[in-house]
Amino acid sequence: MGDVLAGNHAVWEFDRTTDSMIIRFARGMRTPRLWHALGTRRIPLEALSGVSVTAGRRDTVVLRAHARAGADPLVEAAAGQLREACDPYRLVLPGDARGRAAAFAQALRERLGPAGPADRFLVAAPQPPLALKAYDARLAFDGACVAFRWSRTGATSTKWKAGDQRYPLSALTGLAWHSPDRPGAHLRLSVQGAPGDPRPDHDLASAVFGVGYGAVHESLPFAAAVLAGLRTRTPVASVPRPRADDRLRHLAELHGAGLLTDAEYTALRDRFAAEA
């Protein structure tokens, strides 16, 4: 059996030495932007409950891996809202690749573990620092705290008068991501002891999405990272991090894209430099 399968916009590799599957997403005009954002993912086989091969449209074959409940923060945050074309566990292959796809699937099945819910996340989440531009706020997550900075033009008077908000992970109990591909799109944090306003545009722990704001490829990885932080409740100092120069380079990219203010960029840059 070949240990590598190249399909539409992605390559799947079975790494036998680590019992994991490496998914490398291609970059291109037709590749879902979420896949661009994910880049490369390593999926431990213990994070999967099964693998299937089915017939696709227009003489294609679809190889699909099924993540165990609770194993992947991205899947948990998405909560079934992703369009099929954006499913990162779905690989479309030419029809004549059915034999190779079946052999690949069988090899994975032979290494799978329990199919029941996982008691912890087994797939790595996007690493902070992360930033997100919503319609009514700019959000930042540094690994320990989620900050909301309200937009003067997008935020309601309720949010603007209340001022910017900051929520440490210790004050949160969960989150809900509502896809920008659907009506009522927003990201809501659940705060201990505070039920919040059911209207996301008035809730101080919610950010509203809109056309050009909170796109799936930006908001879902952000939500997954926060959810992973909530589940682990691990102090940011003990989390394995990228090298200092990589983190500073990423900060500069966020700042250049307008997702961090000058003050936020300077504060985070100085903090990471000091930690290094």
Protein backbone atom coordinates (compact mmCIF):
# COMPACT_ATOMS: atom_id res chain seq x y z
CA MET A 1 0.00 0.00 0.00
CA GLY A 2 1.21 3.49 -0.75
CA ASP A 3 1.56 5.58 2.37
CA VAL A 4 0.78 8.83 0.53
CA LEU A 5 -2.42 9.79 -1.27
CA ALA A 6 -2.66 13.02 -3.28
CA GLY A 7 -6.19 14.27 -3.82
CA ASN A 8 -7.95 17.51 -4.62
CA HIS A 9 -6.22 20.31 -2.70
CA ALA A 10 -4.64 18.01 -0.08
CA VAL A 11 -2.16 15.19 0.47
CA TRP A 12 -2.65 12.55 3.16
CA GLU A 13 0.35 10.66 4.49
CA PHE A 14 0.25 7.67 6.84
CA ASP A 15 3.20 8.01 9.23
CA ARG A 16 3.71 4.50 10.56
CA THR A 17 6.51 5.49 12.92
CA THR A 18 4.23 7.74 14.98
CA ASP A 19 0.86 6.08 14.23
CA SER A 20 -0.50 9.31 12.85
CA MET A 21 -1.85 10.78 9.64
CA ILE A 22 -0.31 13.96 8.27
CA ILE A 23 -2.62 16.12 6.18
CA ARG A 24 -0.98 18.78 4.03
CA PHE A 25 -3.40 21.23 2.49
CA ALA A 26 -2.49 22.77 -0.86
CA ARG A 27 -2.63 26.47 -1.59
CA GLY A 28 -4.60 27.54 -4.62
CA MET A 29 -7.51 29.55 -5.91
CA ARG A 30 -9.96 26.66 -5.48
CA THR A 31 -8.68 25.41 -2.14
CA PRO A 32 -11.01 26.28 0.76
CA ARG A 33 -9.53 29.20 2.67
CA LEU A 34 -9.91 27.27 5.92
CA TRP A 35 -7.49 24.70 4.54
CA HIS A 36 -5.07 27.50 3.67
CA ALA A 37 -5.22 28.63 7.28
CA LEU A 38 -4.70 25.12 8.66
CA GLY A 39 -1.66 24.41 6.50
CA THR A 40 -0.49 21.04 7.83
CA ARG A 41 -2.17 18.95 10.51
CA ARG A 42 -0.93 15.82 12.28
CA ILE A 43 -3.82 13.58 13.32
CA PRO A 44 -2.90 10.80 15.79
CA LEU A 45 -4.75 7.62 14.83
CA GLU A 46 -6.09 7.45 18.38
CA ALA A 47 -8.07 10.60 17.50
CA LEU A 48 -10.03 8.73 14.81
CA SER A 49 -13.06 6.49 15.22
CA GLY A 50 -13.19 5.21 11.66
CA VAL A 51 -12.36 5.65 7.97
CA SER A 52 -14.70 5.27 5.00
CA VAL A 53 -14.44 5.20 1.20
CA THR A 54 -17.48 6.20 -0.86
CA ALA A 55 -18.30 7.15 -4.43
CA GLY A 56 -18.22 10.87 -5.12
CA ARG A 57 -19.64 13.00 -7.88
CA ARG A 58 -18.29 13.09 -11.44
CA ASP A 59 -16.28 9.87 -11.27
CA THR A 60 -14.49 10.61 -8.00
CA VAL A 61 -13.85 8.70 -4.80
CA VAL A 62 -14.17 10.26 -1.35
CA LEU A 63 -11.91 9.10 1.48
CA ARG A 64 -13.18 10.34 4.81
CA ALA A 65 -11.71 10.02 8.28
CA HIS A 66 -14.03 10.34 11.26
CA ALA A 67 -12.74 12.12 14.35
CA ARG A 68 -13.71 10.79 17.78
CA ALA A 69 -15.98 13.07 19.76
CA GLY A 70 -13.85 15.36 21.90
CA ALA A 71 -10.60 14.60 20.08
CA ASP A 72 -10.20 17.63 17.79
CA PRO A 73 -10.86 21.18 19.05
CA LEU A 74 -11.53 22.38 15.50
CA VAL A 75 -14.29 19.80 15.01
CA GLU A 76 -15.72 20.48 18.46
CA ALA A 77 -15.84 24.23 17.87
CA ALA A 78 -17.42 23.76 14.43
CA ALA A 79 -20.17 21.59 15.93
CA GLY A 80 -21.27 20.23 12.56
CA GLN A 81 -21.58 23.63 10.87
CA LEU A 82 -18.84 23.24 8.25
CA ARG A 83 -19.87 22.84 4.63
CA GLU A 84 -18.88 19.49 3.16
CA ALA A 85 -16.35 21.10 0.82
CA CYS A 86 -14.53 22.58 3.83
CA ASP A 87 -14.38 19.35 5.86
CA PRO A 88 -10.66 18.89 6.68
CA TYR A 89 -11.19 15.14 7.14
CA ARG A 90 -12.46 14.63 3.58
CA LEU A 91 -10.19 13.84 0.61
CA VAL A 92 -11.54 13.69 -2.95
CA LEU A 93 -9.63 11.44 -5.37
CA PRO A 94 -10.01 10.44 -9.05
CA GLY A 95 -12.28 7.47 -9.64
CA ASP A 96 -9.39 5.23 -10.69
CA ALA A 97 -7.81 5.69 -7.23
CA ARG A 98 -10.51 3.65 -5.47
CA GLY A 99 -8.18 0.67 -4.93
CA ARG A 100 -5.45 2.80 -3.42
CA ALA A 101 -7.97 4.66 -1.26
CA ALA A 102 -9.43 1.38 0.02
CA ALA A 103 -5.96 0.03 0.87
CA PHE A 104 -5.05 3.28 2.63
CA ALA A 105 -8.28 3.18 4.64
CA GLN A 106 -7.78 -0.45 5.63
CA ALA A 107 -4.22 0.24 6.81
CA LEU A 108 -5.53 3.05 9.02
CA ARG A 109 -8.36 0.91 10.41
CA GLU A 110 -5.87 -1.71 11.55
CA ARG A 111 -4.21 0.87 13.80
CA LEU A 112 -7.28 2.64 15.19
CA GLY A 113 -7.97 2.61 18.91
CA PRO A 114 -11.23 3.05 20.84
CA ALA A 115 -14.09 4.67 18.94
CA GLY A 116 -15.74 6.25 21.97
CA PRO A 117 -15.44 9.91 23.06
CA ALA A 118 -11.95 11.11 23.94
CA ASP A 119 -11.35 12.44 27.46
CA ARG A 120 -8.99 15.13 26.14
CA PHE A 121 -8.04 16.81 22.91
CA LEU A 122 -5.68 14.65 20.86
CA VAL A 123 -5.20 16.98 17.88
CA ALA A 124 -3.25 20.20 18.34
CA ALA A 125 -5.14 23.48 18.15
CA PRO A 126 -3.80 26.61 16.41
CA GLN A 127 -1.24 28.23 18.68
CA PRO A 128 -1.69 31.70 20.21
CA PRO A 129 -1.20 34.60 19.92
CA LEU A 130 -4.20 34.89 17.62
CA ALA A 131 -6.32 37.82 16.53
CA LEU A 132 -9.74 38.07 14.92
CA LYS A 133 -11.55 40.98 13.32
CA ALA A 134 -15.32 40.78 13.81
CA TYR A 135 -17.94 43.29 12.70
CA ASP A 136 -18.23 44.97 16.09
CA ALA A 137 -14.89 44.14 17.73
CA ARG A 138 -11.30 43.10 17.39
CA LEU A 139 -10.48 40.03 19.46
CA ALA A 140 -7.12 38.83 20.70
CA PHE A 141 -6.17 35.59 22.44
CA ASP A 142 -2.75 35.30 24.04
CA GLY A 143 -3.19 31.81 25.47
CA ALA A 144 -4.49 32.95 28.84
CA CYS A 145 -7.05 35.65 28.12
CA VAL A 146 -9.54 36.71 25.43
CA ALA A 147 -9.77 40.47 24.87
CA PHE A 148 -12.53 42.40 23.07
CA ARG A 149 -11.83 45.87 21.70
CA TRP A 150 -15.06 47.37 20.43
CA SER A 151 -15.37 48.99 17.03
CA ARG A 152 -16.53 52.59 17.13
CA THR A 153 -18.64 52.09 14.01
CA GLY A 154 -19.80 48.48 14.43
CA ALA A 155 -20.52 48.06 18.14
CA THR A 156 -23.87 48.89 19.70
CA SER A 157 -24.08 51.65 22.29
CA THR A 158 -24.41 48.94 24.96
CA LYS A 159 -20.98 47.57 24.17
CA TRP A 160 -19.37 50.93 23.49
CA LYS A 161 -20.53 52.40 26.80
CA ALA A 162 -19.42 49.31 28.73
CA GLY A 163 -15.90 49.62 27.36
CA ASP A 164 -13.46 47.02 26.15
CA GLN A 165 -13.66 43.62 27.83
CA ARG A 166 -11.06 41.11 28.94
CA TYR A 167 -11.82 37.53 30.00
CA PRO A 168 -9.19 35.22 31.52
CA LEU A 169 -9.74 31.55 30.74
CA SER A 170 -10.35 30.94 34.43
CA ALA A 171 -13.53 33.05 34.18
CA LEU A 172 -14.95 31.11 31.22
CA THR A 173 -16.93 27.88 31.05
CA GLY A 174 -17.23 27.42 27.29
CA LEU A 175 -17.90 29.04 23.94
CA ALA A 176 -20.22 28.76 20.96
CA TRP A 177 -19.17 29.48 17.38
CA HIS A 178 -22.00 30.29 14.98
CA SER A 179 -20.76 30.01 11.40
CA PRO A 180 -20.60 33.15 9.24
CA ASP A 181 -22.10 31.00 6.48
CA ARG A 182 -25.39 31.06 8.39
CA PRO A 183 -27.74 33.78 9.70
CA GLY A 184 -26.98 35.18 13.15
CA ALA A 185 -23.26 34.48 12.91
CA HIS A 186 -21.22 35.29 16.02
CA LEU A 187 -18.78 33.97 18.62
CA ARG A 188 -20.05 33.84 22.20
CA LEU A 189 -18.04 33.12 25.34
CA SER A 190 -19.80 31.66 28.37
CA VAL A 191 -18.77 33.56 31.50
CA GLN A 192 -19.06 32.04 34.98
CA GLY A 193 -21.97 33.51 36.91
CA ALA A 194 -23.04 35.77 34.04
CA PRO A 195 -25.84 34.51 31.76
CA GLY A 196 -25.21 37.30 29.26
CA ASP A 197 -27.59 38.95 26.86
CA PRO A 198 -29.21 36.55 24.35
CA ARG A 199 -28.70 39.21 21.69
CA PRO A 200 -25.08 38.85 20.54
CA ASP A 201 -24.87 42.49 19.49
CA HIS A 202 -25.59 43.48 23.11
CA ASP A 203 -23.71 40.69 24.89
CA LEU A 204 -20.35 41.83 26.25
CA ALA A 205 -18.81 38.38 25.74
CA SER A 206 -19.91 38.03 22.11
CA ALA A 207 -18.55 39.27 18.80
CA VAL A 208 -20.82 39.61 15.78
CA PHE A 209 -19.72 38.44 12.33
CA GLY A 210 -20.79 39.98 9.04
CA VAL A 211 -19.83 40.23 5.39
CA GLY A 212 -16.05 40.43 5.39
CA TYR A 213 -15.83 39.96 9.17
CA GLY A 214 -15.26 36.72 11.06
CA ALA A 215 -14.85 34.49 8.01
CA VAL A 216 -14.68 30.75 8.69
CA HIS A 217 -10.94 30.52 8.00
CA GLU A 218 -10.30 33.24 10.59
CA SER A 219 -12.94 32.72 13.26
CA LEU A 220 -13.01 28.91 13.51
CA PRO A 221 -9.26 28.44 14.23
CA PHE A 222 -9.56 31.27 16.78
CA ALA A 223 -12.51 29.54 18.46
CA ALA A 224 -10.69 26.19 18.42
CA ALA A 225 -7.64 27.69 20.10
CA VAL A 226 -9.74 29.26 22.86
CA LEU A 227 -11.68 26.02 23.35
CA ALA A 228 -8.45 24.06 23.66
CA GLY A 229 -7.22 26.56 26.24
CA LEU A 230 -10.44 26.16 28.19
CA ARG A 231 -10.26 22.37 28.19
CA THR A 232 -6.66 22.19 29.32
CA ARG A 233 -6.60 25.25 31.60
CA THR A 234 -2.83 25.04 31.25
CA PRO A 235 -0.89 28.20 32.16
CA VAL A 236 0.52 29.69 29.00
CA ALA A 237 4.07 29.46 30.36
CA SER A 238 3.90 25.67 30.40
CA VAL A 239 2.47 25.26 26.90
CA PRO A 240 5.02 24.26 24.23
CA ARG A 241 5.46 27.32 22.06
CA PRO A 242 6.96 28.23 18.74
CA ARG A 243 10.43 29.77 18.77
CA ALA A 244 10.60 33.39 19.87
CA ASP A 245 11.52 34.66 16.40
CA ASP A 246 8.54 32.80 14.87
CA ARG A 247 6.16 34.33 17.41
CA LEU A 248 7.51 37.82 16.80
CA ARG A 249 7.24 37.34 13.04
CA HIS A 250 3.62 36.21 13.44
CA LEU A 251 2.89 39.26 15.59
CA ALA A 252 4.31 41.51 12.90
CA GLU A 253 2.05 39.86 10.30
CA LEU A 254 -1.03 40.43 12.49
CA HIS A 255 -0.03 44.04 13.03
CA GLY A 256 0.61 44.59 9.34
CA ALA A 257 -2.83 43.16 8.52
CA GLY A 258 -4.45 45.65 10.86
CA LEU A 259 -5.59 43.02 13.37
CA LEU A 260 -3.49 44.48 16.20
CA THR A 261 -3.21 48.12 17.17
CA ASP A 262 0.19 49.74 17.61
CA ALA A 263 -0.23 49.56 21.38
CA GLU A 264 -1.28 45.89 21.37
CA TYR A 265 1.56 44.98 19.03
CA THR A 266 4.15 46.80 21.15
CA ALA A 267 2.91 45.26 24.40
CA LEU A 268 2.92 41.70 23.04
CA ARG A 269 6.27 42.18 21.27
CA ASP A 270 7.91 43.39 24.47
CA ARG A 271 6.35 40.58 26.49
CA PHE A 272 7.52 37.83 24.12
CA ALA A 273 10.97 39.37 23.85
CA ALA A 274 11.26 39.44 27.65
CA GLU A 275 10.12 35.81 27.95
CA ALA A 276 12.65 34.74 25.33
